[in-house]
Amino acid sequence: MAVDYEKMSYDELQRHQKELKRAMSSYEERRKKEALIEMQEVARRHGVDLNEIVRGGKKGTASVPKYRHPENPDLTWAGRGRQPRWVKEMLEDGKSLEELRI
């Protein structure tokens, strides 16, 4: 299915660009989740906890998510550290953090 971008208006091109950014972000998140699951399985086969390996044996508490993507509930953010790409995109699209709050 070929898309002829040359015949699209500027608004249509912008809409396609936003949709493509979302799809790419979702793809990256799925890849990370798949990698994490695979690493957890390997660690479990060796009889160790992946979280302890990653944290160097330190025990800590995971941050509780405060924000969730409205269309993809797997995408969350605790509101700490850098904003994920999907949060930045939502803010660029005119959403507020309050609208993303869980």
Protein backbone atom coordinates (compact mmCIF):
# COMPACT_ATOMS: atom_id res chain seq x y z
CA MET A 1 0.00 0.00 0.00
CA ALA A 2 1.88 3.03 -1.30
CA VAL A 3 1.13 6.45 0.14
CA ASP A 4 1.51 9.43 -2.19
CA TYR A 5 2.74 12.18 0.10
CA GLU A 6 3.15 14.56 -2.83
CA LYS A 7 -0.63 14.90 -3.18
CA MET A 8 -1.31 15.53 0.52
CA SER A 9 -2.00 18.87 2.11
CA TYR A 10 0.27 20.22 4.83
CA ASP A 11 -2.35 19.35 7.48
CA GLU A 12 -2.60 15.78 6.19
CA LEU A 13 1.18 15.46 6.25
CA GLN A 14 1.31 16.70 9.85
CA ARG A 15 -1.39 14.22 10.87
CA HIS A 16 0.55 11.37 9.25
CA GLN A 17 3.73 12.54 10.96
CA LYS A 18 2.06 12.46 14.40
CA GLU A 19 0.59 9.02 13.71
CA LEU A 20 4.00 7.75 12.61
CA LYS A 21 5.69 9.15 15.75
CA ARG A 22 3.10 7.41 17.93
CA ALA A 23 3.53 4.13 16.07
CA MET A 24 7.32 4.33 16.38
CA SER A 25 7.11 5.12 20.08
CA SER A 26 4.72 2.22 20.64
CA TYR A 27 7.05 -0.08 18.69
CA GLU A 28 10.04 0.96 20.81
CA GLU A 29 8.10 0.36 24.03
CA ARG A 30 7.00 -3.10 22.86
CA ARG A 31 10.60 -3.99 21.97
CA LYS A 32 11.78 -2.89 25.41
CA LYS A 33 9.07 -4.92 27.13
CA GLU A 34 9.94 -8.00 25.09
CA ALA A 35 13.63 -7.57 25.97
CA LEU A 36 12.81 -7.15 29.64
CA ILE A 37 10.66 -10.30 29.68
CA GLU A 38 13.42 -12.24 27.96
CA MET A 39 16.04 -10.97 30.45
CA GLN A 40 13.76 -11.85 33.38
CA GLU A 41 13.38 -15.39 32.04
CA VAL A 42 17.15 -15.80 31.68
CA ALA A 43 17.73 -14.47 35.21
CA ARG A 44 15.02 -16.79 36.57
CA ARG A 45 16.68 -19.79 34.87
CA HIS A 46 19.87 -18.87 36.72
CA GLY A 47 17.98 -18.55 39.99
CA VAL A 48 18.49 -14.80 40.44
CA ASP A 49 16.26 -11.75 40.54
CA LEU A 50 16.85 -9.40 37.61
CA ASN A 51 15.99 -6.36 39.73
CA GLU A 52 18.81 -7.19 42.13
CA ILE A 53 21.24 -7.57 39.24
CA VAL A 54 20.24 -4.25 37.69
CA ARG A 55 20.37 -2.38 41.01
CA GLY A 56 23.61 -4.05 42.05
CA GLY A 57 21.94 -5.97 44.84
CA LYS A 58 20.40 -2.87 46.38
CA LYS A 59 16.83 -3.15 47.52
CA GLY A 60 14.63 -0.23 46.62
CA THR A 61 11.10 0.70 45.86
CA ALA A 62 9.81 1.11 42.36
CA SER A 63 8.17 4.39 41.51
CA VAL A 64 4.41 4.20 41.23
CA PRO A 65 3.11 5.38 37.84
CA LYS A 66 1.18 8.65 37.99
CA TYR A 67 0.50 9.15 34.28
CA ARG A 68 -0.86 6.77 31.62
CA HIS A 69 -1.17 7.03 27.85
CA PRO A 70 -4.90 7.34 27.05
CA GLU A 71 -4.78 4.93 24.10
CA ASN A 72 -2.04 2.54 25.25
CA PRO A 73 -2.37 1.74 28.98
CA ASP A 74 0.97 -0.11 28.91
CA LEU A 75 2.73 3.26 28.59
CA THR A 76 3.09 4.84 32.02
CA TRP A 77 5.33 7.38 33.72
CA ALA A 78 5.95 8.04 37.41
CA GLY A 79 6.53 11.74 36.84
CA ARG A 80 10.19 11.42 37.79
CA GLY A 81 13.16 11.90 35.52
CA ARG A 82 12.94 12.75 31.85
CA GLN A 83 9.53 12.78 30.23
CA PRO A 84 8.98 9.80 27.94
CA ARG A 85 8.52 10.53 24.25
CA TRP A 86 4.80 9.74 24.42
CA VAL A 87 4.30 12.36 27.18
CA LYS A 88 6.13 14.99 25.13
CA GLU A 89 4.00 14.14 22.09
CA MET A 90 0.78 14.39 24.11
CA LEU A 91 1.80 17.79 25.47
CA GLU A 92 2.68 18.95 21.94
CA ASP A 93 -0.79 17.84 20.84
CA GLY A 94 -2.36 20.15 23.43
CA LYS A 95 -3.00 17.67 26.24
CA SER A 96 -2.11 18.56 29.82
CA LEU A 97 -0.39 16.38 32.39
CA GLU A 98 -3.58 16.48 34.42
CA GLU A 99 -5.42 14.76 31.53
CA LEU A 100 -2.85 11.95 31.60
CA ARG A 101 -2.98 11.48 35.39
CA ILE A 102 -4.06 8.02 36.57
